[in-house]
Amino acid sequence: MKNFVQKGEAVAYTNGTGAAIASGDAVVIGGQIGVAAVDIADGATGTVSMEGVYSLPKTAGAAIALGDAAIWDVSAGAFVPSSATPATGDVSKAVVAWVAAASADTTVMVKINVGVGTVAA
């Protein structure tokens, strides 16, 4: 195909957050959740993975069942169950739990970018 560009597994991302991003950190890009493949200093450009299953932070206190959607809580820097009410900047509808996470767990395995995410206004 003449118009094929790439598989779309990763994107070059310029960090304008005001803080360094560590390899493995979740990165919000529009309504999508990526995972930094490398450390990205503020103002620098680095690779962010946009496909796959990752173990990422989850707030303790609520379980997330296998296959359930989760919300990225930007203020907590962690996922919360989809039953939570998203606050401004939180991203929903972008990931699903790949493995169930108990309420005491502080991480959850999620498949990223399974749909078009929504950023709460």
PDB file of N, CA and C in Angstrom:
ATOM      1  N   MET A   1       0.839  -1.168   0.000  1.00  0.00           N
ATOM      2  CA  MET A   1       0.000   0.000   0.000  1.00  0.00           C
ATOM      3  C   MET A   1       0.892   1.242   0.000  1.00  0.00           C
ATOM      4  N   LYS A   2       0.671   2.121  -0.940  1.00  0.00           N
ATOM      5  CA  LYS A   2       1.507   3.309  -1.091  1.00  0.00           C
ATOM      6  C   LYS A   2       1.350   4.307   0.051  1.00  0.00           C
ATOM      7  N   ASN A   3       0.198   4.319   0.702  1.00  0.00           N
ATOM      8  CA  ASN A   3      -0.039   5.321   1.736  1.00  0.00           C
ATOM      9  C   ASN A   3       0.229   4.821   3.157  1.00  0.00           C
ATOM     10  N   PHE A   4       0.740   3.582   3.319  1.00  0.00           N
ATOM     11  CA  PHE A   4       1.069   3.062   4.653  1.00  0.00           C
ATOM     12  C   PHE A   4       2.230   3.860   5.230  1.00  0.00           C
ATOM     13  N   VAL A   5       2.109   4.274   6.483  1.00  0.00           N
ATOM     14  CA  VAL A   5       3.152   5.058   7.136  1.00  0.00           C
ATOM     15  C   VAL A   5       3.855   4.245   8.212  1.00  0.00           C
ATOM     16  N   GLN A   6       3.107   3.660   9.152  1.00  0.00           N
ATOM     17  CA  GLN A   6       3.680   2.870  10.230  1.00  0.00           C
ATOM     18  C   GLN A   6       2.577   2.074  10.915  1.00  0.00           C
ATOM     19  N   LYS A   7       2.970   1.137  11.799  1.00  0.00           N
ATOM     20  CA  LYS A   7       1.982   0.323  12.518  1.00  0.00           C
ATOM     21  C   LYS A   7       1.214   1.126  13.566  1.00  0.00           C
ATOM     22  N   GLY A   8       1.768   2.205  14.042  1.00  0.00           N
ATOM     23  CA  GLY A   8       1.077   3.027  15.027  1.00  0.00           C
ATOM     24  C   GLY A   8       1.244   2.541  16.450  1.00  0.00           C
ATOM     25  N   GLU A   9       2.294   1.787  16.714  1.00  0.00           N
ATOM     26  CA  GLU A   9       2.526   1.241  18.051  1.00  0.00           C
ATOM     27  C   GLU A   9       3.118   2.262  19.013  1.00  0.00           C
ATOM     28  N   ALA A  10       3.771   3.287  18.478  1.00  0.00           N
ATOM     29  CA  ALA A  10       4.422   4.287  19.322  1.00  0.00           C
ATOM     30  C   ALA A  10       4.370   5.632  18.617  1.00  0.00           C
ATOM     31  N   VAL A  11       4.552   6.683  19.404  1.00  0.00           N
ATOM     32  CA  VAL A  11       4.518   8.036  18.872  1.00  0.00           C
ATOM     33  C   VAL A  11       5.671   8.832  19.486  1.00  0.00           C
ATOM     34  N   ALA A  12       6.219   9.767  18.715  1.00  0.00           N
ATOM     35  CA  ALA A  12       7.210  10.704  19.251  1.00  0.00           C
ATOM     36  C   ALA A  12       6.432  11.781  20.005  1.00  0.00           C
ATOM     37  N   TYR A  13       6.766  11.961  21.268  1.00  0.00           N
ATOM     38  CA  TYR A  13       6.013  12.867  22.141  1.00  0.00           C
ATOM     39  C   TYR A  13       6.958  13.910  22.716  1.00  0.00           C
ATOM     40  N   THR A  14       6.595  15.182  22.581  1.00  0.00           N
ATOM     41  CA  THR A  14       7.374  16.258  23.187  1.00  0.00           C
ATOM     42  C   THR A  14       6.743  16.599  24.528  1.00  0.00           C
ATOM     43  N   ASN A  15       7.530  16.449  25.576  1.00  0.00           N
ATOM     44  CA  ASN A  15       7.061  16.644  26.946  1.00  0.00           C
ATOM     45  C   ASN A  15       6.962  18.132  27.274  1.00  0.00           C
ATOM     46  N   GLY A  16       5.747  18.616  27.421  1.00  0.00           N
ATOM     47  CA  GLY A  16       5.515  19.995  27.819  1.00  0.00           C
ATOM     48  C   GLY A  16       4.803  20.091  29.153  1.00  0.00           C
ATOM     49  N   THR A  17       4.995  19.078  30.000  1.00  0.00           N
ATOM     50  CA  THR A  17       4.269  19.016  31.271  1.00  0.00           C
ATOM     51  C   THR A  17       4.884  19.869  32.376  1.00  0.00           C
ATOM     52  N   GLY A  18       6.147  20.287  32.196  1.00  0.00           N
ATOM     53  CA  GLY A  18       6.825  21.028  33.254  1.00  0.00           C
ATOM     54  C   GLY A  18       7.588  20.132  34.203  1.00  0.00           C
ATOM     55  N   ALA A  19       7.548  18.820  33.973  1.00  0.00           N
ATOM     56  CA  ALA A  19       8.261  17.856  34.824  1.00  0.00           C
ATOM     57  C   ALA A  19       8.778  16.716  33.951  1.00  0.00           C
ATOM     58  N   ALA A  20       9.793  16.033  34.445  1.00  0.00           N
ATOM     59  CA  ALA A  20      10.324  14.869  33.734  1.00  0.00           C
ATOM     60  C   ALA A  20       9.311  13.731  33.774  1.00  0.00           C
ATOM     61  N   ILE A  21       9.298  12.932  32.725  1.00  0.00           N
ATOM     62  CA  ILE A  21       8.468  11.731  32.659  1.00  0.00           C
ATOM     63  C   ILE A  21       9.412  10.542  32.689  1.00  0.00           C
ATOM     64  N   ALA A  22       9.184   9.608  33.605  1.00  0.00           N
ATOM     65  CA  ALA A  22      10.041   8.423  33.725  1.00  0.00           C
ATOM     66  C   ALA A  22       9.550   7.324  32.800  1.00  0.00           C
ATOM     67  N   SER A  23      10.484   6.523  32.322  1.00  0.00           N
ATOM     68  CA  SER A  23      10.128   5.350  31.530  1.00  0.00           C
ATOM     69  C   SER A  23       9.135   4.512  32.327  1.00  0.00           C
ATOM     70  N   GLY A  24       8.034   4.121  31.695  1.00  0.00           N
ATOM     71  CA  GLY A  24       7.007   3.334  32.373  1.00  0.00           C
ATOM     72  C   GLY A  24       5.860   4.154  32.915  1.00  0.00           C
ATOM     73  N   ASP A  25       6.000   5.480  32.937  1.00  0.00           N
ATOM     74  CA  ASP A  25       4.911   6.339  33.408  1.00  0.00           C
ATOM     75  C   ASP A  25       3.796   6.415  32.367  1.00  0.00           C
ATOM     76  N   ALA A  26       2.573   6.553  32.836  1.00  0.00           N
ATOM     77  CA  ALA A  26       1.443   6.809  31.943  1.00  0.00           C
ATOM     78  C   ALA A  26       1.550   8.236  31.424  1.00  0.00           C
ATOM     79  N   VAL A  27       1.184   8.420  30.160  1.00  0.00           N
ATOM     80  CA  VAL A  27       1.232   9.732  29.516  1.00  0.00           C
ATOM     81  C   VAL A  27      -0.117   9.963  28.836  1.00  0.00           C
ATOM     82  N   VAL A  28      -0.766  11.065  29.167  1.00  0.00           N
ATOM     83  CA  VAL A  28      -2.032  11.414  28.525  1.00  0.00           C
ATOM     84  C   VAL A  28      -1.722  12.190  27.250  1.00  0.00           C
ATOM     85  N   ILE A  29      -2.212  11.667  26.123  1.00  0.00           N
ATOM     86  CA  ILE A  29      -2.054  12.338  24.830  1.00  0.00           C
ATOM     87  C   ILE A  29      -3.455  12.453  24.234  1.00  0.00           C
ATOM     88  N   GLY A  30      -4.027  13.638  24.335  1.00  0.00           N
ATOM     89  CA  GLY A  30      -5.418  13.816  23.913  1.00  0.00           C
ATOM     90  C   GLY A  30      -6.307  12.943  24.775  1.00  0.00           C
ATOM     91  N   GLY A  31      -7.157  12.136  24.152  1.00  0.00           N
ATOM     92  CA  GLY A  31      -8.024  11.221  24.886  1.00  0.00           C
ATOM     93  C   GLY A  31      -7.448   9.826  24.989  1.00  0.00           C
ATOM     94  N   GLN A  32      -6.160   9.690  24.780  1.00  0.00           N
ATOM     95  CA  GLN A  32      -5.511   8.378  24.818  1.00  0.00           C
ATOM     96  C   GLN A  32      -4.518   8.309  25.978  1.00  0.00           C
ATOM     97  N   ILE A  33      -4.198   7.098  26.385  1.00  0.00           N
ATOM     98  CA  ILE A  33      -3.197   6.846  27.420  1.00  0.00           C
ATOM     99  C   ILE A  33      -2.039   6.115  26.765  1.00  0.00           C
ATOM    100  N   GLY A  34      -0.852   6.685  26.870  1.00  0.00           N
ATOM    101  CA  GLY A  34       0.356   6.023  26.399  1.00  0.00           C
ATOM    102  C   GLY A  34       1.237   5.685  27.578  1.00  0.00           C
ATOM    103  N   VAL A  35       2.327   4.981  27.303  1.00  0.00           N
ATOM    104  CA  VAL A  35       3.296   4.639  28.344  1.00  0.00           C
ATOM    105  C   VAL A  35       4.677   5.030  27.827  1.00  0.00           C
ATOM    106  N   ALA A  36       5.381   5.849  28.598  1.00  0.00           N
ATOM    107  CA  ALA A  36       6.711   6.302  28.192  1.00  0.00           C
ATOM    108  C   ALA A  36       7.642   5.104  28.037  1.00  0.00           C
ATOM    109  N   ALA A  37       8.251   4.991  26.860  1.00  0.00           N
ATOM    110  CA  ALA A  37       9.190   3.900  26.592  1.00  0.00           C
ATOM    111  C   ALA A  37      10.592   4.261  27.073  1.00  0.00           C
ATOM    112  N   VAL A  38      10.825   5.546  27.303  1.00  0.00           N
ATOM    113  CA  VAL A  38      12.118   6.065  27.753  1.00  0.00           C
ATOM    114  C   VAL A  38      11.854   7.204  28.730  1.00  0.00           C
ATOM    115  N   ASP A  39      12.882   7.604  29.475  1.00  0.00           N
ATOM    116  CA  ASP A  39      12.777   8.821  30.273  1.00  0.00           C
ATOM    117  C   ASP A  39      12.668  10.002  29.310  1.00  0.00           C
ATOM    118  N   ILE A  40      11.782  10.959  29.609  1.00  0.00           N
ATOM    119  CA  ILE A  40      11.609  12.127  28.746  1.00  0.00           C
ATOM    120  C   ILE A  40      11.696  13.380  29.619  1.00  0.00           C
ATOM    121  N   ALA A  41      12.792  14.114  29.481  1.00  0.00           N
ATOM    122  CA  ALA A  41      12.962  15.349  30.242  1.00  0.00           C
ATOM    123  C   ALA A  41      11.944  16.379  29.771  1.00  0.00           C
ATOM    124  N   ASP A  42      11.627  17.351  30.634  1.00  0.00           N
ATOM    125  CA  ASP A  42      10.712  18.409  30.230  1.00  0.00           C
ATOM    126  C   ASP A  42      11.297  19.131  29.020  1.00  0.00           C
ATOM    127  N   GLY A  43      10.502  19.315  27.990  1.00  0.00           N
ATOM    128  CA  GLY A  43      10.943  19.976  26.770  1.00  0.00           C
ATOM    129  C   GLY A  43      11.583  19.052  25.749  1.00  0.00           C
ATOM    130  N   ALA A  44      11.897  17.827  26.150  1.00  0.00           N
ATOM    131  CA  ALA A  44      12.528  16.856  25.250  1.00  0.00           C
ATOM    132  C   ALA A  44      11.465  16.010  24.558  1.00  0.00           C
ATOM    133  N   THR A  45      11.880  15.318  23.510  1.00  0.00           N
ATOM    134  CA  THR A  45      10.995  14.416  22.775  1.00  0.00           C
ATOM    135  C   THR A  45      11.453  12.987  22.997  1.00  0.00           C
ATOM    136  N   GLY A  46      10.511  12.099  23.255  1.00  0.00           N
ATOM    137  CA  GLY A  46      10.826  10.688  23.466  1.00  0.00           C
ATOM    138  C   GLY A  46       9.693   9.816  22.970  1.00  0.00           C
ATOM    139  N   THR A  47       9.925   8.523  22.976  1.00  0.00           N
ATOM    140  CA  THR A  47       8.954   7.558  22.468  1.00  0.00           C
ATOM    141  C   THR A  47       7.933   7.192  23.537  1.00  0.00           C
ATOM    142  N   VAL A  48       6.663   7.212  23.143  1.00  0.00           N
ATOM    143  CA  VAL A  48       5.567   6.781  24.007  1.00  0.00           C
ATOM    144  C   VAL A  48       4.842   5.644  23.298  1.00  0.00           C
ATOM    145  N   SER A  49       4.740   4.502  23.970  1.00  0.00           N
ATOM    146  CA  SER A  49       4.027   3.342  23.427  1.00  0.00           C
ATOM    147  C   SER A  49       2.529   3.596  23.502  1.00  0.00           C
ATOM    148  N   MET A  50       1.821   3.244  22.423  1.00  0.00           N
ATOM    149  CA  MET A  50       0.389   3.508  22.344  1.00  0.00           C
ATOM    150  C   MET A  50      -0.444   2.240  22.211  1.00  0.00           C
ATOM    151  N   GLU A  51       0.188   1.079  22.288  1.00  0.00           N
ATOM    152  CA  GLU A  51      -0.516  -0.201  22.215  1.00  0.00           C
ATOM    153  C   GLU A  51       0.081  -1.154  23.228  1.00  0.00           C
ATOM    154  N   GLY A  52      -0.718  -2.110  23.675  1.00  0.00           N
ATOM    155  CA  GLY A  52      -0.204  -3.161  24.538  1.00  0.00           C
ATOM    156  C   GLY A  52      -0.889  -3.212  25.887  1.00  0.00           C
ATOM    157  N   VAL A  53      -0.369  -4.091  26.738  1.00  0.00           N
ATOM    158  CA  VAL A  53      -0.878  -4.284  28.097  1.00  0.00           C
ATOM    159  C   VAL A  53       0.228  -3.878  29.061  1.00  0.00           C
ATOM    160  N   TYR A  54      -0.114  -3.033  30.033  1.00  0.00           N
ATOM    161  CA  TYR A  54       0.866  -2.497  30.973  1.00  0.00           C
ATOM    162  C   TYR A  54       0.337  -2.582  32.397  1.00  0.00           C
ATOM    163  N   SER A  55       1.244  -2.745  33.337  1.00  0.00           N
ATOM    164  CA  SER A  55       0.917  -2.660  34.756  1.00  0.00           C
ATOM    165  C   SER A  55       1.127  -1.206  35.167  1.00  0.00           C
ATOM    166  N   LEU A  56       0.035  -0.555  35.571  1.00  0.00           N
ATOM    167  CA  LEU A  56       0.084   0.867  35.904  1.00  0.00           C
ATOM    168  C   LEU A  56      -0.562   1.104  37.266  1.00  0.00           C
ATOM    169  N   PRO A  57      -0.291   2.264  37.876  1.00  0.00           N
ATOM    170  CA  PRO A  57      -0.830   2.537  39.211  1.00  0.00           C
ATOM    171  C   PRO A  57      -2.355   2.540  39.252  1.00  0.00           C
ATOM    172  N   LYS A  58      -2.891   2.071  40.382  1.00  0.00           N
ATOM    173  CA  LYS A  58      -4.327   2.066  40.664  1.00  0.00           C
ATOM    174  C   LYS A  58      -4.507   2.542  42.093  1.00  0.00           C
ATOM    175  N   THR A  59      -5.532   3.324  42.348  1.00  0.00           N
ATOM    176  CA  THR A  59      -5.809   3.720  43.726  1.00  0.00           C
ATOM    177  C   THR A  59      -6.327   2.517  44.500  1.00  0.00           C
ATOM    178  N   ALA A  60      -5.885   2.386  45.732  1.00  0.00           N
ATOM    179  CA  ALA A  60      -6.385   1.312  46.593  1.00  0.00           C
ATOM    180  C   ALA A  60      -7.788   1.688  47.063  1.00  0.00           C
ATOM    181  N   GLY A  61      -8.571   0.688  47.392  1.00  0.00           N
ATOM    182  CA  GLY A  61      -9.887   0.945  47.954  1.00  0.00           C
ATOM    183  C   GLY A  61     -11.053   0.537  47.080  1.00  0.00           C
ATOM    184  N   ALA A  62     -10.790   0.214  45.823  1.00  0.00           N
ATOM    185  CA  ALA A  62     -11.869  -0.236  44.939  1.00  0.00           C
ATOM    186  C   ALA A  62     -11.303  -1.226  43.933  1.00  0.00           C
ATOM    187  N   ALA A  63     -12.027  -2.293  43.711  1.00  0.00           N
ATOM    188  CA  ALA A  63     -11.603  -3.326  42.759  1.00  0.00           C
ATOM    189  C   ALA A  63     -11.956  -2.904  41.338  1.00  0.00           C
ATOM    190  N   ILE A  64     -11.215  -3.463  40.383  1.00  0.00           N
ATOM    191  CA  ILE A  64     -11.527  -3.302  38.963  1.00  0.00           C
ATOM    192  C   ILE A  64     -11.564  -4.707  38.380  1.00  0.00           C
ATOM    193  N   ALA A  65     -12.712  -5.099  37.839  1.00  0.00           N
ATOM    194  CA  ALA A  65     -12.900  -6.458  37.328  1.00  0.00           C
ATOM    195  C   ALA A  65     -12.274  -6.621  35.943  1.00  0.00           C
ATOM    196  N   LEU A  66     -11.919  -7.848  35.631  1.00  0.00           N
ATOM    197  CA  LEU A  66     -11.411  -8.192  34.306  1.00  0.00           C
ATOM    198  C   LEU A  66     -12.365  -7.671  33.235  1.00  0.00           C
ATOM    199  N   GLY A  67     -11.836  -6.943  32.263  1.00  0.00           N
ATOM    200  CA  GLY A  67     -12.636  -6.426  31.161  1.00  0.00           C
ATOM    201  C   GLY A  67     -13.332  -5.110  31.428  1.00  0.00           C
ATOM    202  N   ASP A  68     -13.324  -4.656  32.679  1.00  0.00           N
ATOM    203  CA  ASP A  68     -13.964  -3.377  32.994  1.00  0.00           C
ATOM    204  C   ASP A  68     -13.105  -2.211  32.528  1.00  0.00           C
ATOM    205  N   ALA A  69     -13.764  -1.147  32.129  1.00  0.00           N
ATOM    206  CA  ALA A  69     -13.061   0.088  31.807  1.00  0.00           C
ATOM    207  C   ALA A  69     -12.534   0.704  33.099  1.00  0.00           C
ATOM    208  N   ALA A  70     -11.532   1.550  32.976  1.00  0.00           N
ATOM    209  CA  ALA A  70     -10.995   2.275  34.126  1.00  0.00           C
ATOM    210  C   ALA A  70     -10.770   3.719  33.704  1.00  0.00           C
ATOM    211  N   ILE A  71     -10.744   4.603  34.678  1.00  0.00           N
ATOM    212  CA  ILE A  71     -10.541   6.033  34.445  1.00  0.00           C
ATOM    213  C   ILE A  71      -9.151   6.403  34.939  1.00  0.00           C
ATOM    214  N   TRP A  72      -8.386   7.154  34.128  1.00  0.00           N
ATOM    215  CA  TRP A  72      -7.099   7.674  34.581  1.00  0.00           C
ATOM    216  C   TRP A  72      -7.378   8.957  35.347  1.00  0.00           C
ATOM    217  N   ASP A  73      -7.123   8.924  36.657  1.00  0.00           N
ATOM    218  CA  ASP A  73      -7.310  10.067  37.546  1.00  0.00           C
ATOM    219  C   ASP A  73      -6.013  10.873  37.513  1.00  0.00           C
ATOM    220  N   VAL A  74      -6.025  12.016  36.819  1.00  0.00           N
ATOM    221  CA  VAL A  74      -4.790  12.778  36.647  1.00  0.00           C
ATOM    222  C   VAL A  74      -4.249  13.316  37.962  1.00  0.00           C
ATOM    223  N   SER A  75      -5.118  13.672  38.903  1.00  0.00           N
ATOM    224  CA  SER A  75      -4.632  14.213  40.175  1.00  0.00           C
ATOM    225  C   SER A  75      -3.977  13.134  41.025  1.00  0.00           C
ATOM    226  N   ALA A  76      -4.470  11.898  40.941  1.00  0.00           N
ATOM    227  CA  ALA A  76      -3.890  10.784  41.709  1.00  0.00           C
ATOM    228  C   ALA A  76      -2.750  10.115  40.950  1.00  0.00           C
ATOM    229  N   GLY A  77      -2.699  10.312  39.633  1.00  0.00           N
ATOM    230  CA  GLY A  77      -1.699   9.614  38.823  1.00  0.00           C
ATOM    231  C   GLY A  77      -1.916   8.116  38.859  1.00  0.00           C
ATOM    232  N   ALA A  78      -3.200   7.720  38.834  1.00  0.00           N
ATOM    233  CA  ALA A  78      -3.542   6.300  38.966  1.00  0.00           C
ATOM    234  C   ALA A  78      -4.926   6.048  38.369  1.00  0.00           C
ATOM    235  N   PHE A  79      -5.176   4.775  38.071  1.00  0.00           N
ATOM    236  CA  PHE A  79      -6.494   4.390  37.575  1.00  0.00           C
ATOM    237  C   PHE A  79      -7.464   4.202  38.730  1.00  0.00           C
ATOM    238  N   VAL A  80      -8.728   4.528  38.463  1.00  0.00           N
ATOM    239  CA  VAL A  80      -9.835   4.295  39.384  1.00  0.00           C
ATOM    240  C   VAL A  80     -10.911   3.545  38.596  1.00  0.00           C
ATOM    241  N   PRO A  81     -11.838   2.876  39.285  1.00  0.00           N
ATOM    242  CA  PRO A  81     -12.901   2.156  38.571  1.00  0.00           C
ATOM    243  C   PRO A  81     -13.768   3.101  37.737  1.00  0.00           C
ATOM    244  N   SER A  82     -14.396   2.563  36.712  1.00  0.00           N
ATOM    245  CA  SER A  82     -15.246   3.377  35.836  1.00  0.00           C
ATOM    246  C   SER A  82     -16.491   3.890  36.551  1.00  0.00           C
ATOM    247  N   SER A  83     -16.779   3.361  37.738  1.00  0.00           N
ATOM    248  CA  SER A  83     -17.922   3.844  38.518  1.00  0.00           C
ATOM    249  C   SER A  83     -17.635   5.192  39.175  1.00  0.00           C
ATOM    250  N   ALA A  84     -16.362   5.609  39.202  1.00  0.00           N
ATOM    251  CA  ALA A  84     -15.996   6.902  39.785  1.00  0.00           C
ATOM    252  C   ALA A  84     -16.457   8.026  38.860  1.00  0.00           C
ATOM    253  N   THR A  85     -16.635   9.203  39.420  1.00  0.00           N
ATOM    254  CA  THR A  85     -16.994  10.372  38.623  1.00  0.00           C
ATOM    255  C   THR A  85     -15.716  11.068  38.176  1.00  0.00           C
ATOM    256  N   PRO A  86     -15.487  11.172  36.863  1.00  0.00           N
ATOM    257  CA  PRO A  86     -14.254  11.806  36.390  1.00  0.00           C
ATOM    258  C   PRO A  86     -14.210  13.292  36.739  1.00  0.00           C
ATOM    259  N   ALA A  87     -13.047  13.755  37.178  1.00  0.00           N
ATOM    260  CA  ALA A  87     -12.814  15.173  37.426  1.00  0.00           C
ATOM    261  C   ALA A  87     -12.175  15.781  36.174  1.00  0.00           C
ATOM    262  N   THR A  88     -12.064  17.078  36.141  1.00  0.00           N
ATOM    263  CA  THR A  88     -11.471  17.767  35.000  1.00  0.00           C
ATOM    264  C   THR A  88     -10.103  17.181  34.662  1.00  0.00           C
ATOM    265  N   GLY A  89      -9.927  16.815  33.398  1.00  0.00           N
ATOM    266  CA  GLY A  89      -8.657  16.272  32.922  1.00  0.00           C
ATOM    267  C   GLY A  89      -8.541  14.770  32.989  1.00  0.00           C
ATOM    268  N   ASP A  90      -9.429  14.101  33.745  1.00  0.00           N
ATOM    269  CA  ASP A  90      -9.387  12.637  33.831  1.00  0.00           C
ATOM    270  C   ASP A  90      -9.766  12.026  32.480  1.00  0.00           C
ATOM    271  N   VAL A  91      -9.181  10.866  32.173  1.00  0.00           N
ATOM    272  CA  VAL A  91      -9.419  10.208  30.884  1.00  0.00           C
ATOM    273  C   VAL A  91     -10.195   8.919  31.110  1.00  0.00           C
ATOM    274  N   SER A  92     -11.348   8.796  30.453  1.00  0.00           N
ATOM    275  CA  SER A  92     -12.134   7.565  30.528  1.00  0.00           C
ATOM    276  C   SER A  92     -12.311   6.977  29.134  1.00  0.00           C
ATOM    277  N   LYS A  93     -12.712   5.718  29.099  1.00  0.00           N
ATOM    278  CA  LYS A  93     -13.015   4.970  27.874  1.00  0.00           C
ATOM    279  C   LYS A  93     -11.789   4.666  27.017  1.00  0.00           C
ATOM    280  N   ALA A  94     -10.587   4.728  27.581  1.00  0.00           N
ATOM    281  CA  ALA A  94      -9.380   4.467  26.792  1.00  0.00           C
ATOM    282  C   ALA A  94      -8.745   3.119  27.117  1.00  0.00           C
ATOM    283  N   VAL A  95      -9.055   2.535  28.281  1.00  0.00           N
ATOM    284  CA  VAL A  95      -8.405   1.280  28.689  1.00  0.00           C
ATOM    285  C   VAL A  95      -9.418   0.308  29.281  1.00  0.00           C
ATOM    286  N   VAL A  96      -9.041  -0.979  29.289  1.00  0.00           N
ATOM    287  CA  VAL A  96      -9.798  -1.997  30.016  1.00  0.00           C
ATOM    288  C   VAL A  96      -8.829  -2.823  30.848  1.00  0.00           C
ATOM    289  N   ALA A  97      -9.331  -3.341  31.966  1.00  0.00           N
ATOM    290  CA  ALA A  97      -8.512  -4.201  32.822  1.00  0.00           C
ATOM    291  C   ALA A  97      -8.256  -5.517  32.104  1.00  0.00           C
ATOM    292  N   TRP A  98      -6.996  -5.893  31.979  1.00  0.00           N
ATOM    293  CA  TRP A  98      -6.598  -7.140  31.330  1.00  0.00           C
ATOM    294  C   TRP A  98      -6.597  -8.276  32.338  1.00  0.00           C
ATOM    295  N   VAL A  99      -6.411  -7.916  33.606  1.00  0.00           N
ATOM    296  CA  VAL A  99      -6.437  -8.850  34.736  1.00  0.00           C
ATOM    297  C   VAL A  99      -7.217  -8.145  35.840  1.00  0.00           C
ATOM    298  N   ALA A 100      -8.032  -8.861  36.572  1.00  0.00           N
ATOM    299  CA  ALA A 100      -8.779  -8.258  37.679  1.00  0.00           C
ATOM    300  C   ALA A 100      -7.811  -7.723  38.731  1.00  0.00           C
ATOM    301  N   ALA A 101      -8.168  -6.587  39.330  1.00  0.00           N
ATOM    302  CA  ALA A 101      -7.371  -5.995  40.402  1.00  0.00           C
ATOM    303  C   ALA A 101      -8.243  -5.885  41.646  1.00  0.00           C
ATOM    304  N   ALA A 102      -7.758  -6.432  42.751  1.00  0.00           N
ATOM    305  CA  ALA A 102      -8.487  -6.377  44.022  1.00  0.00           C
ATOM    306  C   ALA A 102      -8.446  -4.962  44.586  1.00  0.00           C
ATOM    307  N   SER A 103      -9.332  -4.666  45.511  1.00  0.00           N
ATOM    308  CA  SER A 103      -9.394  -3.310  46.057  1.00  0.00           C
ATOM    309  C   SER A 103      -8.100  -2.907  46.751  1.00  0.00           C
ATOM    310  N   ALA A 104      -7.373  -3.843  47.335  1.00  0.00           N
ATOM    311  CA  ALA A 104      -6.118  -3.519  48.020  1.00  0.00           C
ATOM    312  C   ALA A 104      -4.946  -3.332  47.053  1.00  0.00           C
ATOM    313  N   ASP A 105      -5.090  -3.781  45.806  1.00  0.00           N
ATOM    314  CA  ASP A 105      -3.996  -3.667  44.833  1.00  0.00           C
ATOM    315  C   ASP A 105      -3.689  -2.206  44.527  1.00  0.00           C
ATOM    316  N   THR A 106      -2.412  -1.924  44.303  1.00  0.00           N
ATOM    317  CA  THR A 106      -1.998  -0.569  43.942  1.00  0.00           C
ATOM    318  C   THR A 106      -1.588  -0.470  42.475  1.00  0.00           C
ATOM    319  N   THR A 107      -1.727  -1.571  41.742  1.00  0.00           N
ATOM    320  CA  THR A 107      -1.510  -1.561  40.293  1.00  0.00           C
ATOM    321  C   THR A 107      -2.622  -2.363  39.628  1.00  0.00           C
ATOM    322  N   VAL A 108      -2.799  -2.101  38.340  1.00  0.00           N
ATOM    323  CA  VAL A 108      -3.764  -2.849  37.536  1.00  0.00           C
ATOM    324  C   VAL A 108      -3.149  -3.041  36.152  1.00  0.00           C
ATOM    325  N   MET A 109      -3.314  -4.242  35.589  1.00  0.00           N
ATOM    326  CA  MET A 109      -2.856  -4.476  34.221  1.00  0.00           C
ATOM    327  C   MET A 109      -3.962  -4.042  33.277  1.00  0.00           C
ATOM    328  N   VAL A 110      -3.646  -3.084  32.405  1.00  0.00           N
ATOM    329  CA  VAL A 110      -4.641  -2.566  31.472  1.00  0.00           C
ATOM    330  C   VAL A 110      -4.158  -2.683  30.036  1.00  0.00           C
ATOM    331  N   LYS A 111      -5.099  -2.936  29.146  1.00  0.00           N
ATOM    332  CA  LYS A 111      -4.833  -2.841  27.707  1.00  0.00           C
ATOM    333  C   LYS A 111      -5.176  -1.409  27.336  1.00  0.00           C
ATOM    334  N   ILE A 112      -4.187  -0.703  26.785  1.00  0.00           N
ATOM    335  CA  ILE A 112      -4.387   0.717  26.511  1.00  0.00           C
ATOM    336  C   ILE A 112      -4.997   0.949  25.136  1.00  0.00           C
ATOM    337  N   ASN A 113      -5.757   2.027  25.053  1.00  0.00           N
ATOM    338  CA  ASN A 113      -6.321   2.554  23.817  1.00  0.00           C
ATOM    339  C   ASN A 113      -7.184   1.556  23.066  1.00  0.00           C
ATOM    340  N   VAL A 114      -8.138   0.992  23.805  1.00  0.00           N
ATOM    341  CA  VAL A 114      -9.096   0.057  23.207  1.00  0.00           C
ATOM    342  C   VAL A 114     -10.263   0.803  22.558  1.00  0.00           C
ATOM    343  N   GLY A 115     -10.349   2.072  22.805  1.00  0.00           N
ATOM    344  CA  GLY A 115     -11.410   2.896  22.237  1.00  0.00           C
ATOM    345  C   GLY A 115     -10.973   4.344  22.229  1.00  0.00           C
ATOM    346  N   VAL A 116     -11.858   5.200  21.775  1.00  0.00           N
ATOM    347  CA  VAL A 116     -11.565   6.625  21.771  1.00  0.00           C
ATOM    348  C   VAL A 116     -11.864   7.157  23.161  1.00  0.00           C
ATOM    349  N   GLY A 117     -10.833   7.624  23.834  1.00  0.00           N
ATOM    350  CA  GLY A 117     -10.992   8.110  25.199  1.00  0.00           C
ATOM    351  C   GLY A 117     -11.687   9.459  25.254  1.00  0.00           C
ATOM    352  N   THR A 118     -12.169   9.772  26.435  1.00  0.00           N
ATOM    353  CA  THR A 118     -12.838  11.038  26.697  1.00  0.00           C
ATOM    354  C   THR A 118     -12.109  11.741  27.830  1.00  0.00           C
ATOM    355  N   VAL A 119     -11.781  13.015  27.630  1.00  0.00           N
ATOM    356  CA  VAL A 119     -11.149  13.815  28.676  1.00  0.00           C
ATOM    357  C   VAL A 119     -12.232  14.667  29.316  1.00  0.00           C
ATOM    358  N   ALA A 120     -12.387  14.532  30.639  1.00  0.00           N
ATOM    359  CA  ALA A 120     -13.421  15.287  31.353  1.00  0.00           C
ATOM    360  C   ALA A 120     -13.100  16.779  31.332  1.00  0.00           C
ATOM    361  N   ALA A 121     -14.124  17.567  31.092  1.00  0.00           N
ATOM    362  CA  ALA A 121     -13.956  19.029  31.044  1.00  0.00           C
ATOM    363  C   ALA A 121     -14.186  19.641  32.403  1.00  0.00           C
TER     364      ALA A 121
END
